[in-house]
Protein backbone atom coordinates (compact mmCIF):
# COMPACT_ATOMS: atom_id res chain seq x y z
CA UNK A 1 103.87 120.98 60.16
CA UNK A 2 107.12 120.32 62.02
CA UNK A 3 107.02 116.65 63.20
CA UNK A 4 109.42 117.47 66.04
CA UNK A 5 106.76 119.75 67.53
CA UNK A 6 104.39 116.80 67.99
CA UNK A 7 105.94 115.38 71.25
CA UNK A 8 105.71 118.67 73.21
CA UNK A 9 102.23 119.27 71.76
CA UNK A 10 101.09 115.83 72.94
CA UNK A 11 102.62 116.61 76.33
CA UNK A 12 100.62 119.86 76.40
CA UNK A 13 97.36 118.02 75.64
CA UNK A 14 98.20 115.33 78.18
CA UNK A 15 98.99 117.85 80.92
CA UNK A 16 95.66 119.66 80.65
CA UNK A 17 93.75 116.41 80.27
CA UNK A 18 95.28 115.39 83.62
CA UNK A 19 94.35 118.75 85.11
CA UNK A 20 90.73 118.29 84.08
CA UNK A 21 90.66 114.69 85.29
CA UNK A 22 92.13 115.37 88.73
CA UNK A 23 90.04 118.54 89.09
CA UNK A 24 86.88 116.53 88.32
CA UNK A 25 87.54 113.36 90.31
CA UNK A 26 90.37 114.00 92.78
CA UNK A 27 89.65 114.45 96.47
CA UNK A 28 89.67 118.02 97.79
CA UNK A 29 92.78 119.15 99.59
CA UNK A 30 96.14 120.91 99.36
CA UNK A 31 97.73 118.03 97.42
CA UNK A 32 95.09 118.26 94.70
CA UNK A 33 95.44 122.04 94.43
CA UNK A 34 99.22 122.10 94.11
CA UNK A 35 99.17 119.18 91.67
CA UNK A 36 96.73 121.11 89.46
CA UNK A 37 98.95 124.19 89.56
CA UNK A 38 102.17 122.27 88.91
CA UNK A 39 100.72 120.25 86.01
CA UNK A 40 99.10 123.35 84.48
CA UNK A 41 102.47 125.07 84.49
CA UNK A 42 104.09 122.06 82.83
CA UNK A 43 101.35 122.24 80.20
CA UNK A 44 102.06 125.92 79.53
CA UNK A 45 105.78 125.16 79.22
CA UNK A 46 105.02 122.37 76.73
CA UNK A 47 102.82 124.74 74.71
CA UNK A 48 105.59 127.35 74.72
CA UNK A 49 108.09 124.85 73.32
CA UNK A 50 105.58 123.62 70.71
CA UNK A 51 105.01 127.14 69.35
CA UNK A 52 108.75 127.88 69.36
CA UNK A 53 109.49 124.82 67.20
CA UNK A 54 106.95 126.05 64.65
CA UNK A 55 108.29 129.60 64.31
CA UNK A 56 109.86 130.30 60.90
CA UNK A 57 112.65 132.75 61.78
CA UNK A 58 115.29 133.32 64.46
CA UNK A 59 114.15 136.80 65.51
CA UNK A 60 110.59 135.73 66.37
CA UNK A 61 111.86 132.57 68.12
CA UNK A 62 114.28 134.63 70.23
CA UNK A 63 111.54 137.03 71.26
CA UNK A 64 109.17 134.16 72.09
CA UNK A 65 111.72 132.31 74.21
CA UNK A 66 112.70 135.45 76.12
CA UNK A 67 109.09 136.33 76.96
CA UNK A 68 106.90 133.23 77.20
CA UNK A 69 109.83 130.85 77.68
CA UNK A 70 111.33 132.83 80.55
CA UNK A 71 107.98 133.05 82.30
CA UNK A 72 107.03 129.36 82.07
CA UNK A 73 110.35 127.58 82.58
CA UNK A 74 111.54 129.50 85.67
CA UNK A 75 108.70 128.40 87.96
CA UNK A 76 108.87 124.64 87.32
CA UNK A 77 111.43 123.91 90.12
CA UNK A 78 109.64 125.79 92.96
CA UNK A 79 106.29 124.28 91.94
CA UNK A 80 107.80 120.80 92.09
CA UNK A 81 109.31 121.55 95.51
CA UNK A 82 105.93 122.84 96.72
CA UNK A 83 104.23 119.65 95.48
CA UNK A 84 106.79 117.44 97.27
CA UNK A 85 106.45 119.45 100.47
CA UNK A 86 102.67 118.95 100.47
CA UNK A 87 103.05 115.28 99.55
CA UNK A 88 105.42 114.70 102.47
CA UNK A 89 103.19 116.81 104.77
CA UNK A 90 106.00 119.23 105.60
CA UNK A 91 104.73 122.32 103.79
CA UNK A 92 103.73 124.02 107.06
CA UNK A 93 107.19 123.82 108.62
CA UNK A 94 108.67 127.36 108.86
CA UNK A 95 112.03 126.44 107.36
CA UNK A 96 110.52 124.66 104.37
CA UNK A 97 108.03 127.47 103.84
CA UNK A 98 110.97 129.88 103.63
CA UNK A 99 112.71 127.67 101.06
CA UNK A 100 109.53 127.47 98.96
CA UNK A 101 109.17 131.27 99.14
CA UNK A 102 112.78 131.74 98.03
CA UNK A 103 112.16 129.30 95.18
CA UNK A 104 109.20 131.32 93.91
CA UNK A 105 111.18 134.53 94.39
CA UNK A 106 114.03 133.13 92.28
CA UNK A 107 111.52 132.20 89.58
CA UNK A 108 110.23 135.77 89.49
CA UNK A 109 113.75 137.26 89.41
CA UNK A 110 114.95 134.99 86.61
CA UNK A 111 111.75 135.63 84.63
CA UNK A 112 112.19 139.41 84.76
CA UNK A 113 115.91 139.09 84.08
CA UNK A 114 115.35 136.79 81.11
CA UNK A 115 112.68 139.03 79.57
CA UNK A 116 114.62 142.27 79.97
CA UNK A 117 118.10 141.22 78.78
CA UNK A 118 120.18 138.59 77.00
CA UNK A 119 122.29 137.87 80.11
CA UNK A 120 120.31 134.71 80.93
CA UNK A 121 119.04 133.68 77.50
CA UNK A 122 120.81 134.42 74.22
CA UNK A 123 119.54 134.35 70.66
CA UNK A 124 117.71 131.34 69.23
CA UNK A 125 119.54 129.16 66.70
CA UNK A 126 118.13 126.56 64.35
CA UNK A 127 118.63 122.87 65.14
CA UNK A 128 117.21 119.99 63.13
CA UNK A 129 114.02 120.05 65.26
CA UNK A 130 113.50 123.83 65.18
CA UNK A 131 114.70 126.98 66.93
CA UNK A 132 116.18 126.72 70.43
CA UNK A 133 117.79 129.45 72.57
CA UNK A 134 121.46 129.61 73.43
CA UNK A 135 122.69 130.13 76.98
CA UNK A 136 123.61 133.64 77.98
CA UNK A 137 126.56 134.45 80.20
CA UNK A 138 124.39 134.13 83.31
CA UNK A 139 122.47 130.96 82.39
CA UNK A 140 124.60 128.98 84.82
CA UNK A 141 123.00 130.96 87.66
CA UNK A 142 119.55 129.64 86.73
CA UNK A 143 120.97 126.14 86.15
CA UNK A 144 122.54 126.12 89.61
CA UNK A 145 119.31 127.38 91.21
CA UNK A 146 117.25 124.83 89.27
CA UNK A 147 119.50 121.99 90.42
CA UNK A 148 119.54 123.18 94.05
CA UNK A 149 115.74 123.39 94.31
CA UNK A 150 115.16 120.02 92.65
CA UNK A 151 117.80 118.31 94.82
CA UNK A 152 116.22 119.82 97.94
CA UNK A 153 112.85 118.38 96.85
CA UNK A 154 114.50 114.97 96.38
CA UNK A 155 116.02 115.28 99.84
CA UNK A 156 112.55 115.79 101.33
CA UNK A 157 111.29 112.74 99.45
CA UNK A 158 114.21 110.63 100.66
CA UNK A 159 113.82 111.75 104.28
CA UNK A 160 110.11 110.91 104.19
CA UNK A 161 110.94 107.54 102.62
CA UNK A 162 113.34 106.66 105.46
CA UNK A 163 110.65 107.32 108.07
CA UNK A 164 107.70 105.79 106.20
CA UNK A 165 106.28 102.30 106.70
CA UNK A 166 103.83 100.06 104.90
CA UNK A 167 102.03 101.36 101.83
CA UNK A 168 103.33 104.89 102.49
CA UNK A 169 106.90 103.65 102.01
CA UNK A 170 106.01 101.96 98.73
CA UNK A 171 104.24 105.12 97.54
CA UNK A 172 107.20 107.40 98.25
CA UNK A 173 109.72 104.93 96.84
CA UNK A 174 108.09 104.77 93.43
CA UNK A 175 107.35 108.49 93.34
CA UNK A 176 111.05 109.10 94.05
CA UNK A 177 112.11 106.73 91.26
CA UNK A 178 109.61 108.27 88.85
CA UNK A 179 110.76 111.79 89.68
CA UNK A 180 114.38 110.75 89.16
CA UNK A 181 113.55 109.44 85.68
CA UNK A 182 111.52 112.53 84.82
CA UNK A 183 114.10 115.08 85.93
CA UNK A 184 117.09 113.18 84.56
CA UNK A 185 115.39 113.40 81.16
CA UNK A 186 115.18 117.16 81.75
CA UNK A 187 118.97 117.30 81.35
CA UNK A 188 118.39 116.93 77.60
CA UNK A 189 116.63 120.31 77.68
CA UNK A 190 119.79 122.00 78.95
CA UNK A 191 122.23 120.47 76.45
CA UNK A 192 121.03 122.42 73.35
CA UNK A 193 121.48 125.65 75.31
CA UNK A 194 125.23 125.04 74.98
CA UNK A 195 125.14 124.03 71.32
CA UNK A 196 124.83 120.24 71.77
CA UNK A 197 122.33 118.97 69.18
CA UNK A 198 120.37 116.52 71.36
CA UNK A 199 116.58 116.57 70.96
CA UNK A 200 115.00 117.77 74.26
CA UNK A 201 112.99 114.89 75.76
CA UNK A 202 112.20 116.50 79.11
CA UNK A 203 108.78 117.78 78.02
CA UNK A 204 107.31 114.41 77.19
CA UNK A 205 108.87 112.32 79.98
CA UNK A 206 107.92 114.81 82.72
CA UNK A 207 104.32 114.65 81.52
CA UNK A 208 104.38 110.84 81.58
CA UNK A 209 105.54 111.01 85.20
CA UNK A 210 102.56 113.28 85.92
CA UNK A 211 100.28 110.57 84.52
CA UNK A 212 101.36 108.15 87.25
CA UNK A 213 100.84 110.69 90.02
CA UNK A 214 97.45 111.82 88.66
CA UNK A 215 96.18 108.26 88.35
CA UNK A 216 97.29 107.54 91.89
CA UNK A 217 95.55 110.68 93.21
CA UNK A 218 92.24 109.84 91.56
CA UNK A 219 92.08 106.06 91.76
CA UNK A 220 94.17 105.16 94.80
CA UNK A 221 94.43 108.30 96.88
CA UNK A 222 98.23 108.22 96.43
CA UNK A 223 98.53 104.80 97.99
CA UNK A 224 100.56 101.97 96.45
CA UNK A 225 102.10 103.17 93.17
CA UNK A 226 102.94 99.55 92.33
CA UNK A 227 99.27 99.04 91.44
CA UNK A 228 99.47 101.90 88.93
CA UNK A 229 102.70 100.65 87.38
CA UNK A 230 101.49 97.06 87.20
CA UNK A 231 98.18 97.92 85.59
CA UNK A 232 99.81 100.33 83.14
CA UNK A 233 102.41 97.73 82.15
CA UNK A 234 99.73 95.09 81.59
CA UNK A 235 97.80 97.29 79.19
CA UNK A 236 100.98 98.55 77.53
CA UNK A 237 102.15 94.99 76.79
CA UNK A 238 98.61 94.07 75.71
CA UNK A 239 98.51 96.99 73.26
CA UNK A 240 101.85 95.90 71.80
CA UNK A 241 100.67 92.30 71.52
CA UNK A 242 97.43 93.38 69.82
CA UNK A 243 99.41 95.44 67.30
CA UNK A 244 101.70 92.50 66.55
CA UNK A 245 98.81 90.08 66.13
CA UNK A 246 96.89 92.50 63.89
CA UNK A 247 99.89 93.07 61.62
CA UNK A 248 100.58 89.33 61.47
CA UNK A 249 97.00 88.55 60.47
CA UNK A 250 97.13 91.31 57.89
CA UNK A 251 100.32 89.89 56.38
CA UNK A 252 98.84 86.38 56.22
CA UNK A 253 95.68 87.64 54.50
CA UNK A 254 97.68 89.64 51.95
CA UNK A 255 99.95 86.72 51.18
CA UNK A 256 97.11 84.19 50.98
CA UNK A 257 94.54 86.12 48.92
CA UNK A 258 97.02 88.30 47.04
CA UNK A 259 98.22 85.14 45.34
CA UNK A 260 94.79 84.92 43.70
CA UNK A 261 94.89 88.52 42.49
CA UNK A 262 92.71 90.06 45.21
CA UNK A 263 94.32 93.45 45.87
CA UNK A 264 91.54 95.17 47.83
CA UNK A 265 93.65 96.01 50.88
CA UNK A 266 90.83 97.63 52.84
CA UNK A 267 89.15 94.20 52.97
CA UNK A 268 92.23 92.80 54.71
CA UNK A 269 92.28 95.70 57.20
CA UNK A 270 88.61 95.13 58.02
CA UNK A 271 88.84 91.34 58.26
CA UNK A 272 91.83 91.45 60.62
CA UNK A 273 89.96 93.54 63.22
CA UNK A 274 87.38 90.96 64.49
CA UNK A 275 90.03 88.22 64.60
CA UNK A 276 92.27 90.42 66.73
CA UNK A 277 89.39 91.39 69.03
CA UNK A 278 88.48 87.74 69.60
CA UNK A 279 92.05 87.00 70.67
CA UNK A 280 92.28 89.91 73.16
CA UNK A 281 90.81 88.09 76.24
CA UNK A 282 93.19 85.16 75.70
CA UNK A 283 96.19 87.46 75.38
CA UNK A 284 95.21 89.43 78.49
CA UNK A 285 94.72 86.20 80.46
CA UNK A 286 98.30 85.17 79.67
CA UNK A 287 99.93 88.59 80.07
CA UNK A 288 98.50 89.44 83.52
CA UNK A 289 99.92 86.38 85.37
CA UNK A 290 103.26 86.90 83.64
CA UNK A 291 103.43 90.51 84.84
CA UNK A 292 102.27 89.52 88.34
CA UNK A 293 105.13 87.02 88.68
CA UNK A 294 107.77 89.71 88.12
CA UNK A 295 109.92 90.01 91.29
CA UNK A 296 109.87 93.82 91.00
CA UNK A 297 106.52 93.99 92.83
CA UNK A 298 106.32 90.62 94.46
CA UNK A 299 103.59 90.37 97.10
CA UNK A 300 104.49 88.57 100.31
CA UNK A 301 102.61 85.32 100.88
CA UNK A 302 100.76 84.58 104.09
CA UNK A 303 103.35 82.04 105.26
CA UNK A 304 106.16 84.57 104.90
CA UNK A 305 104.19 87.24 106.76
CA UNK A 306 103.32 84.82 109.56
CA UNK A 307 106.93 83.57 109.89
CA UNK A 308 108.30 87.12 110.09
CA UNK A 309 105.66 88.12 112.63
CA UNK A 310 106.26 85.10 114.88
CA UNK A 311 109.99 85.80 114.96
CA UNK A 312 109.33 89.36 116.06
CA UNK A 313 107.15 88.47 119.09
CA UNK A 314 108.14 84.97 120.18
CA UNK A 315 110.95 86.23 122.43
CA UNK A 316 109.06 89.22 123.84
CA UNK A 317 107.71 88.79 127.36
CA UNK A 318 106.34 92.33 127.74
CA UNK A 319 102.60 92.07 127.01
CA UNK A 320 102.13 95.78 126.03
CA UNK A 321 105.04 95.45 123.60
CA UNK A 322 103.47 92.35 122.04
CA UNK A 323 100.13 94.13 121.71
CA UNK A 324 101.81 97.15 120.14
CA UNK A 325 103.59 94.96 117.57
CA UNK A 326 100.37 93.17 116.70
CA UNK A 327 98.55 96.46 116.09
CA UNK A 328 101.47 97.82 114.05
CA UNK A 329 101.64 94.67 111.89
CA UNK A 330 97.89 94.65 111.24
CA UNK A 331 97.90 98.34 110.28
CA UNK A 332 100.85 97.86 107.91
CA UNK A 333 99.12 94.94 106.20
CA UNK A 334 95.89 96.90 105.80
């Protein structure tokens, strides 16, 4: 078993677990449908890469990349654009519908082109993690199209962010940041195409970004992504703390009882578990307030909200304007 095939395989499992979860519990609608399609395609791409890393010879890897690889990788950009268009509620605009159509058309053209010739994708070569294709003479055409579609999707996100208010602004801001992290990691998938031996991390990090969006769809209806990040960070830090405590207890038990000749290590493993479990509530009680105090997602206090609100209406003499500001402020807080 090639250990370097484990990350894309885990990303494949994660993608389809998210598909099942959102399909089972997500609210009906266009956003749910396009998210399911987009994440399923990411899962197929991850499976394609996993199988390619496990292939034993260059000829079979080249054939696999030109067939399955061409088909799965070429549709990721237009699916992402489609998802962003639905998220920003602009998918019904004629101009954006034309751009989405052209994106899908480019995916079809590059798929057929990649399968039928070596102009887009060359032969696979062996890196330390497995076989990976080399760029053909026309690979830059796909790279340019990929970049153009993704940047257009980011432009839609940024335009929606500028116009959004309240929780909607927070939602779009963190989705934009998460997408930037996910797609910047995708650059590592292009580098080996040109002979640069950098392990491709785009598979795993794009799937982790999908986790945030899926959790928001199911649990929060795509509201404030800060809640998702905060809760995930709390349990991530807690898991790390539990691991550290468990290993520390294990080391103490080995050092203490090993001195007396007791070498039954499974007894130490078993004894350390209940001690760690007992300490979990205390650790969580200390970690949560520490995470909450981070300025990254500071919540405004009532005095700050009241002071800002008073400044906005104290000099206004127009009663309808005052009423409008009161309604707007209450809606943003809710």
